[in-house]
Amino acid sequence: MRVLILGNEKHTAAYVEEALRQVWCETEICADADQGYFALKQDDYDAVILGEALDGMDWSAFLEKTRRDGCQMPVIVLFSGDPGAQARIRALENGADYCLHMPVDEGEFLAVLKAVERRRGSLLPERLSAGDLYLDQSTFTLSGPAGTIQLGRREFDVMRLLMVNRDIVVSKEMMLNRIWGGRPDAVDNNVEVYISFLRKKLEMLKVHASIVTMRRLGYKLTAE
């Protein structure tokens, strides 16, 4: 499960990140409203933890804007303290799925996360497609006219990112940030290696889809 932690309160973000690490969630922290909005538009997360302190926009206005623009991703609003009934009502009316406040019980927090994960599963298709290429998100398998191939976790993450952004250029920087978490030891070669692995698998499956290199820009998945 991939979770975007959106807000500029470092203490809250650190607490959430540590709690999610215990259940093997991948996390990314973002404090800027514009960057967070762009990340949500890519639809590459399973849930958002939205703090009340956000650079560039009021949290409530940000939530209202994303819902108005069609974003259906589950959002948990996490307040730094008890905000009172009116703030919770405003959050729910603007599109929040749940409201919690610090200090939050870890068991309750993880239970809420599981609940939004179940909802996300009902919103996203279990099987992504691009022409005659299919990616099963529950089994990590890639299928085509010539059969089915099991993918490793990194292969799956790269393939999923390309399929969700079909016909859109995905930069190496985005892949390194989204899949490798921007770790210092993650370099462009990591991306190139997995792109090579996936291209060989597409050939084996005999699909009418390909990963195209866009020089100095990145990669995009195209399909007939």
C-alpha atoms as a PDB file:
ATOM      1  CA  MET A   1       0.000   0.000   0.000  1.00  0.00           C
ATOM      2  CA  ARG A   2       1.314   3.446  -0.960  1.00  0.00           C
ATOM      3  CA  VAL A   3       0.353   6.410   1.220  1.00  0.00           C
ATOM      4  CA  LEU A   4       0.964  10.122   0.633  1.00  0.00           C
ATOM      5  CA  ILE A   5       1.474  12.129   3.836  1.00  0.00           C
ATOM      6  CA  LEU A   6       0.539  15.700   2.961  1.00  0.00           C
ATOM      7  CA  GLY A   7       1.342  18.515   5.409  1.00  0.00           C
ATOM      8  CA  ASN A   8       4.202  20.570   6.826  1.00  0.00           C
ATOM      9  CA  GLU A   9       4.074  19.477  10.474  1.00  0.00           C
ATOM     10  CA  LYS A  10       7.238  17.410  10.782  1.00  0.00           C
ATOM     11  CA  HIS A  11       6.355  15.790  14.122  1.00  0.00           C
ATOM     12  CA  THR A  12       2.995  14.549  12.851  1.00  0.00           C
ATOM     13  CA  ALA A  13       4.488  13.349   9.557  1.00  0.00           C
ATOM     14  CA  ALA A  14       7.234  11.447  11.393  1.00  0.00           C
ATOM     15  CA  TYR A  15       4.678   9.750  13.679  1.00  0.00           C
ATOM     16  CA  VAL A  16       2.512   8.698  10.732  1.00  0.00           C
ATOM     17  CA  GLU A  17       5.492   7.470   8.736  1.00  0.00           C
ATOM     18  CA  GLU A  18       6.701   5.305  11.637  1.00  0.00           C
ATOM     19  CA  ALA A  19       3.232   3.818  12.206  1.00  0.00           C
ATOM     20  CA  LEU A  20       2.884   2.960   8.521  1.00  0.00           C
ATOM     21  CA  ARG A  21       6.331   1.410   8.391  1.00  0.00           C
ATOM     22  CA  GLN A  22       5.192  -1.173  10.931  1.00  0.00           C
ATOM     23  CA  VAL A  23       2.568  -2.476   8.501  1.00  0.00           C
ATOM     24  CA  TRP A  24       4.907  -2.339   5.499  1.00  0.00           C
ATOM     25  CA  CYS A  25       3.331   0.659   3.802  1.00  0.00           C
ATOM     26  CA  GLU A  26       5.367   2.738   1.385  1.00  0.00           C
ATOM     27  CA  THR A  27       5.148   6.434   2.218  1.00  0.00           C
ATOM     28  CA  GLU A  28       6.006   9.781   0.695  1.00  0.00           C
ATOM     29  CA  ILE A  29       5.884  13.100   2.542  1.00  0.00           C
ATOM     30  CA  CYS A  30       4.940  16.340   0.810  1.00  0.00           C
ATOM     31  CA  ALA A  31       4.385  19.764   2.400  1.00  0.00           C
ATOM     32  CA  ASP A  32       3.450  21.802  -0.682  1.00  0.00           C
ATOM     33  CA  ALA A  33      -0.147  21.982  -1.930  1.00  0.00           C
ATOM     34  CA  ASP A  34       0.746  22.255  -5.637  1.00  0.00           C
ATOM     35  CA  GLN A  35       3.124  19.295  -5.503  1.00  0.00           C
ATOM     36  CA  GLY A  36       0.581  17.301  -3.523  1.00  0.00           C
ATOM     37  CA  TYR A  37      -2.151  18.076  -6.033  1.00  0.00           C
ATOM     38  CA  PHE A  38       0.071  16.912  -8.910  1.00  0.00           C
ATOM     39  CA  ALA A  39       0.877  13.701  -7.016  1.00  0.00           C
ATOM     40  CA  LEU A  40      -2.814  12.976  -6.481  1.00  0.00           C
ATOM     41  CA  LYS A  41      -3.566  13.534 -10.171  1.00  0.00           C
ATOM     42  CA  GLN A  42      -1.118  10.738 -11.019  1.00  0.00           C
ATOM     43  CA  ASP A  43      -3.382   8.367  -9.033  1.00  0.00           C
ATOM     44  CA  ASP A  44      -0.388   6.384  -7.824  1.00  0.00           C
ATOM     45  CA  TYR A  45      -1.317   6.237  -4.127  1.00  0.00           C
ATOM     46  CA  ASP A  46      -3.825   4.168  -2.204  1.00  0.00           C
ATOM     47  CA  ALA A  47      -4.625   6.787   0.436  1.00  0.00           C
ATOM     48  CA  VAL A  48      -3.748  10.293   1.618  1.00  0.00           C
ATOM     49  CA  ILE A  49      -3.091  11.482   5.160  1.00  0.00           C
ATOM     50  CA  LEU A  50      -3.894  15.215   5.018  1.00  0.00           C
ATOM     51  CA  GLY A  51      -2.626  17.450   7.809  1.00  0.00           C
ATOM     52  CA  GLU A  52      -4.200  20.793   8.637  1.00  0.00           C
ATOM     53  CA  ALA A  53      -0.934  22.691   8.045  1.00  0.00           C
ATOM     54  CA  LEU A  54      -0.147  22.851   4.318  1.00  0.00           C
ATOM     55  CA  ASP A  55       2.134  25.157   2.346  1.00  0.00           C
ATOM     56  CA  GLY A  56       0.343  27.257  -0.261  1.00  0.00           C
ATOM     57  CA  MET A  57      -3.304  26.471   0.506  1.00  0.00           C
ATOM     58  CA  ASP A  58      -5.725  25.918   3.368  1.00  0.00           C
ATOM     59  CA  TRP A  59      -6.230  22.182   3.970  1.00  0.00           C
ATOM     60  CA  SER A  60     -10.008  22.478   3.584  1.00  0.00           C
ATOM     61  CA  ALA A  61      -9.743  24.371   0.286  1.00  0.00           C
ATOM     62  CA  PHE A  62      -7.229  21.810  -0.963  1.00  0.00           C
ATOM     63  CA  LEU A  63      -9.558  18.935  -0.128  1.00  0.00           C
ATOM     64  CA  GLU A  64     -12.520  20.662  -1.744  1.00  0.00           C
ATOM     65  CA  LYS A  65     -10.503  21.369  -4.908  1.00  0.00           C
ATOM     66  CA  THR A  66      -9.307  17.778  -5.322  1.00  0.00           C
ATOM     67  CA  ARG A  67     -12.832  16.393  -4.893  1.00  0.00           C
ATOM     68  CA  ARG A  68     -14.260  18.987  -7.278  1.00  0.00           C
ATOM     69  CA  ASP A  69     -11.685  17.921  -9.879  1.00  0.00           C
ATOM     70  CA  GLY A  70     -12.766  14.292  -9.627  1.00  0.00           C
ATOM     71  CA  CYS A  71     -10.142  12.778  -7.313  1.00  0.00           C
ATOM     72  CA  GLN A  72     -11.708   9.772  -5.546  1.00  0.00           C
ATOM     73  CA  MET A  73      -8.672   8.734  -3.516  1.00  0.00           C
ATOM     74  CA  PRO A  74      -9.468   8.033   0.168  1.00  0.00           C
ATOM     75  CA  VAL A  75      -8.411  10.925   2.420  1.00  0.00           C
ATOM     76  CA  ILE A  76      -7.865  10.832   6.177  1.00  0.00           C
ATOM     77  CA  VAL A  77      -7.673  14.324   7.691  1.00  0.00           C
ATOM     78  CA  LEU A  78      -5.332  14.326  10.677  1.00  0.00           C
ATOM     79  CA  PHE A  79      -5.595  17.348  12.987  1.00  0.00           C
ATOM     80  CA  SER A  80      -2.766  18.338  15.351  1.00  0.00           C
ATOM     81  CA  GLY A  81      -5.272  18.473  18.236  1.00  0.00           C
ATOM     82  CA  ASP A  82      -9.005  18.116  18.775  1.00  0.00           C
ATOM     83  CA  PRO A  83     -10.444  20.610  16.255  1.00  0.00           C
ATOM     84  CA  GLY A  84     -14.014  20.519  17.503  1.00  0.00           C
ATOM     85  CA  ALA A  85     -17.173  19.344  15.805  1.00  0.00           C
ATOM     86  CA  GLN A  86     -17.409  22.178  13.264  1.00  0.00           C
ATOM     87  CA  ALA A  87     -13.964  21.504  11.782  1.00  0.00           C
ATOM     88  CA  ARG A  88     -14.686  17.783  11.536  1.00  0.00           C
ATOM     89  CA  ILE A  89     -18.020  18.484   9.845  1.00  0.00           C
ATOM     90  CA  ARG A  90     -16.316  20.848   7.379  1.00  0.00           C
ATOM     91  CA  ALA A  91     -13.752  18.175   6.548  1.00  0.00           C
ATOM     92  CA  LEU A  92     -16.392  15.511   5.943  1.00  0.00           C
ATOM     93  CA  GLU A  93     -18.561  17.857   3.873  1.00  0.00           C
ATOM     94  CA  ASN A  94     -15.544  18.745   1.728  1.00  0.00           C
ATOM     95  CA  GLY A  95     -14.844  15.096   0.974  1.00  0.00           C
ATOM     96  CA  ALA A  96     -12.799  13.567   3.803  1.00  0.00           C
ATOM     97  CA  ASP A  97     -13.391   9.874   4.483  1.00  0.00           C
ATOM     98  CA  TYR A  98     -12.276  10.009   8.122  1.00  0.00           C
ATOM     99  CA  CYS A  99     -11.115  12.601  10.650  1.00  0.00           C
ATOM    100  CA  LEU A 100      -8.587  11.848  13.382  1.00  0.00           C
ATOM    101  CA  HIS A 101      -6.606  14.067  15.731  1.00  0.00           C
ATOM    102  CA  MET A 102      -3.332  13.850  17.607  1.00  0.00           C
ATOM    103  CA  PRO A 103      -2.562  12.164  19.845  1.00  0.00           C
ATOM    104  CA  VAL A 104      -4.173   9.324  17.944  1.00  0.00           C
ATOM    105  CA  ASP A 105      -4.346   5.743  19.153  1.00  0.00           C
ATOM    106  CA  GLU A 106      -2.132   3.684  16.866  1.00  0.00           C
ATOM    107  CA  GLY A 107      -4.615   0.807  16.760  1.00  0.00           C
ATOM    108  CA  GLU A 108      -7.423   3.136  15.699  1.00  0.00           C
ATOM    109  CA  PHE A 109      -5.192   4.783  13.104  1.00  0.00           C
ATOM    110  CA  LEU A 110      -4.252   1.465  11.487  1.00  0.00           C
ATOM    111  CA  ALA A 111      -7.880   0.264  11.597  1.00  0.00           C
ATOM    112  CA  VAL A 112      -8.964   3.406   9.713  1.00  0.00           C
ATOM    113  CA  LEU A 113      -6.184   2.844   7.196  1.00  0.00           C
ATOM    114  CA  LYS A 114      -7.388  -0.713   6.573  1.00  0.00           C
ATOM    115  CA  ALA A 115     -10.916   0.599   6.067  1.00  0.00           C
ATOM    116  CA  VAL A 116      -9.827   3.076   3.380  1.00  0.00           C
ATOM    117  CA  GLU A 117      -7.705   0.372   1.771  1.00  0.00           C
ATOM    118  CA  ARG A 118     -10.837  -1.763   1.389  1.00  0.00           C
ATOM    119  CA  ARG A 119     -12.622   1.191  -0.176  1.00  0.00           C
ATOM    120  CA  ARG A 120      -9.713   1.829  -2.528  1.00  0.00           C
ATOM    121  CA  GLY A 121      -9.845  -1.775  -3.655  1.00  0.00           C
ATOM    122  CA  SER A 122     -13.437  -1.258  -4.754  1.00  0.00           C
ATOM    123  CA  LEU A 123     -12.534   1.894  -6.714  1.00  0.00           C
ATOM    124  CA  LEU A 124      -9.486   0.713  -8.618  1.00  0.00           C
ATOM    125  CA  PRO A 125      -9.750  -2.126 -11.114  1.00  0.00           C
ATOM    126  CA  GLU A 126      -7.897  -5.191  -9.949  1.00  0.00           C
ATOM    127  CA  ARG A 127      -6.670  -5.621 -13.506  1.00  0.00           C
ATOM    128  CA  LEU A 128      -5.032  -2.784 -15.449  1.00  0.00           C
ATOM    129  CA  SER A 129      -4.911  -3.025 -19.221  1.00  0.00           C
ATOM    130  CA  ALA A 130      -3.136  -1.467 -22.198  1.00  0.00           C
ATOM    131  CA  GLY A 131      -4.260  -3.054 -25.445  1.00  0.00           C
ATOM    132  CA  ASP A 132      -3.690  -6.807 -25.090  1.00  0.00           C
ATOM    133  CA  LEU A 133      -1.410  -6.315 -22.071  1.00  0.00           C
ATOM    134  CA  TYR A 134      -2.879  -6.935 -18.598  1.00  0.00           C
ATOM    135  CA  LEU A 135      -1.449  -6.333 -15.136  1.00  0.00           C
ATOM    136  CA  ASP A 136      -3.160  -8.127 -12.248  1.00  0.00           C
ATOM    137  CA  GLN A 137      -2.636  -6.043  -9.107  1.00  0.00           C
ATOM    138  CA  SER A 138      -3.602  -8.806  -6.707  1.00  0.00           C
ATOM    139  CA  THR A 139      -1.198 -11.458  -8.048  1.00  0.00           C
ATOM    140  CA  PHE A 140       1.598  -9.245  -9.470  1.00  0.00           C
ATOM    141  CA  THR A 141       1.289 -11.010 -12.845  1.00  0.00           C
ATOM    142  CA  LEU A 142       1.627  -9.620 -16.356  1.00  0.00           C
ATOM    143  CA  SER A 143      -0.398 -11.300 -19.116  1.00  0.00           C
ATOM    144  CA  GLY A 144      -0.601 -11.227 -22.898  1.00  0.00           C
ATOM    145  CA  PRO A 145      -1.351 -13.413 -25.919  1.00  0.00           C
ATOM    146  CA  ALA A 146       1.550 -15.758 -25.111  1.00  0.00           C
ATOM    147  CA  GLY A 147       0.709 -16.382 -21.456  1.00  0.00           C
ATOM    148  CA  THR A 148       1.324 -14.996 -17.980  1.00  0.00           C
ATOM    149  CA  ILE A 149       4.535 -13.959 -16.219  1.00  0.00           C
ATOM    150  CA  GLN A 150       5.092 -13.398 -12.507  1.00  0.00           C
ATOM    151  CA  LEU A 151       6.698 -10.049 -11.705  1.00  0.00           C
ATOM    152  CA  GLY A 152       8.981  -9.114  -8.861  1.00  0.00           C
ATOM    153  CA  ARG A 153       7.948  -6.212  -6.624  1.00  0.00           C
ATOM    154  CA  ARG A 154      10.100  -3.588  -8.359  1.00  0.00           C
ATOM    155  CA  GLU A 155       9.064  -4.811 -11.813  1.00  0.00           C
ATOM    156  CA  PHE A 156       5.435  -4.597 -10.749  1.00  0.00           C
ATOM    157  CA  ASP A 157       5.831  -1.070  -9.365  1.00  0.00           C
ATOM    158  CA  VAL A 158       7.502   0.195 -12.555  1.00  0.00           C
ATOM    159  CA  MET A 159       4.942  -1.525 -14.798  1.00  0.00           C
ATOM    160  CA  ARG A 160       2.031  -0.220 -12.735  1.00  0.00           C
ATOM    161  CA  LEU A 161       3.326   3.351 -12.870  1.00  0.00           C
ATOM    162  CA  LEU A 162       3.670   3.135 -16.649  1.00  0.00           C
ATOM    163  CA  MET A 163       0.222   1.588 -17.119  1.00  0.00           C
ATOM    164  CA  VAL A 164      -1.558   4.078 -14.868  1.00  0.00           C
ATOM    165  CA  ASN A 165       0.122   6.838 -16.913  1.00  0.00           C
ATOM    166  CA  ARG A 166      -0.347   5.172 -20.296  1.00  0.00           C
ATOM    167  CA  ASP A 167       0.779   7.396 -23.214  1.00  0.00           C
ATOM    168  CA  ILE A 168       2.189   9.908 -20.733  1.00  0.00           C
ATOM    169  CA  VAL A 169       5.930  10.369 -20.305  1.00  0.00           C
ATOM    170  CA  VAL A 170       7.129   9.220 -16.886  1.00  0.00           C
ATOM    171  CA  SER A 171      10.510  10.671 -15.978  1.00  0.00           C
ATOM    172  CA  LYS A 172      13.310   8.722 -14.349  1.00  0.00           C
ATOM    173  CA  GLU A 173      13.139  11.178 -11.474  1.00  0.00           C
ATOM    174  CA  MET A 174       9.491  10.361 -10.870  1.00  0.00           C
ATOM    175  CA  MET A 175      10.223   6.630 -10.920  1.00  0.00           C
ATOM    176  CA  LEU A 176      13.101   7.008  -8.485  1.00  0.00           C
ATOM    177  CA  ASN A 177      10.957   9.116  -6.127  1.00  0.00           C
ATOM    178  CA  ARG A 178       7.821   6.983  -6.325  1.00  0.00           C
ATOM    179  CA  ILE A 179       9.372   3.508  -6.396  1.00  0.00           C
ATOM    180  CA  TRP A 180      12.733   3.872  -4.667  1.00  0.00           C
ATOM    181  CA  GLY A 181      11.590   6.629  -2.315  1.00  0.00           C
ATOM    182  CA  GLY A 182      14.299   9.020  -3.528  1.00  0.00           C
ATOM    183  CA  ARG A 183      16.966   7.086  -1.601  1.00  0.00           C
ATOM    184  CA  PRO A 184      20.543   8.396  -2.085  1.00  0.00           C
ATOM    185  CA  ASP A 185      21.670   4.992  -3.431  1.00  0.00           C
ATOM    186  CA  ALA A 186      18.946   4.979  -6.102  1.00  0.00           C
ATOM    187  CA  VAL A 187      20.376   6.069  -9.459  1.00  0.00           C
ATOM    188  CA  ASP A 188      19.193   6.276 -13.069  1.00  0.00           C
ATOM    189  CA  ASN A 189      20.680   2.846 -13.721  1.00  0.00           C
ATOM    190  CA  ASN A 190      18.103   1.301 -11.362  1.00  0.00           C
ATOM    191  CA  VAL A 191      15.344   2.462 -13.679  1.00  0.00           C
ATOM    192  CA  GLU A 192      17.169   1.380 -16.843  1.00  0.00           C
ATOM    193  CA  VAL A 193      17.706  -2.139 -15.506  1.00  0.00           C
ATOM    194  CA  TYR A 194      14.025  -2.679 -14.693  1.00  0.00           C
ATOM    195  CA  ILE A 195      12.876  -1.141 -17.972  1.00  0.00           C
ATOM    196  CA  SER A 196      15.115  -3.656 -19.729  1.00  0.00           C
ATOM    197  CA  PHE A 197      13.631  -6.537 -17.697  1.00  0.00           C
ATOM    198  CA  LEU A 198      10.099  -5.445 -18.569  1.00  0.00           C
ATOM    199  CA  ARG A 199      10.819  -5.007 -22.260  1.00  0.00           C
ATOM    200  CA  LYS A 200      12.039  -8.599 -22.444  1.00  0.00           C
ATOM    201  CA  LYS A 201       8.866  -9.771 -20.731  1.00  0.00           C
ATOM    202  CA  LEU A 202       6.695  -7.817 -23.173  1.00  0.00           C
ATOM    203  CA  GLU A 203       8.519  -9.557 -26.039  1.00  0.00           C
ATOM    204  CA  MET A 204       7.937 -12.952 -24.417  1.00  0.00           C
ATOM    205  CA  LEU A 205       4.223 -12.202 -24.030  1.00  0.00           C
ATOM    206  CA  LYS A 206       3.986 -11.093 -27.690  1.00  0.00           C
ATOM    207  CA  VAL A 207       1.861  -8.080 -26.810  1.00  0.00           C
ATOM    208  CA  HIS A 208       1.113  -5.103 -29.020  1.00  0.00           C
ATOM    209  CA  ALA A 209       2.479  -2.753 -26.379  1.00  0.00           C
ATOM    210  CA  SER A 210       5.914  -1.294 -25.862  1.00  0.00           C
ATOM    211  CA  ILE A 211       7.903   0.891 -23.502  1.00  0.00           C
ATOM    212  CA  VAL A 212       9.216   3.814 -25.529  1.00  0.00           C
ATOM    213  CA  THR A 213      12.293   5.799 -24.491  1.00  0.00           C
ATOM    214  CA  MET A 214      11.760   9.543 -24.774  1.00  0.00           C
ATOM    215  CA  ARG A 215      15.269  10.911 -24.921  1.00  0.00           C
ATOM    216  CA  ARG A 216      16.137  13.166 -21.983  1.00  0.00           C
ATOM    217  CA  LEU A 217      12.533  12.958 -20.776  1.00  0.00           C
ATOM    218  CA  GLY A 218      11.796   9.415 -19.585  1.00  0.00           C
ATOM    219  CA  TYR A 219       9.607   6.517 -20.712  1.00  0.00           C
ATOM    220  CA  LYS A 220       6.027   5.960 -21.766  1.00  0.00           C
ATOM    221  CA  LEU A 221       3.933   2.889 -22.381  1.00  0.00           C
ATOM    222  CA  THR A 222       2.132   2.761 -25.717  1.00  0.00           C
ATOM    223  CA  ALA A 223      -0.298   0.135 -26.997  1.00  0.00           C
ATOM    224  CA  GLU A 224      -2.257  -0.463 -30.160  1.00  0.00           C
END
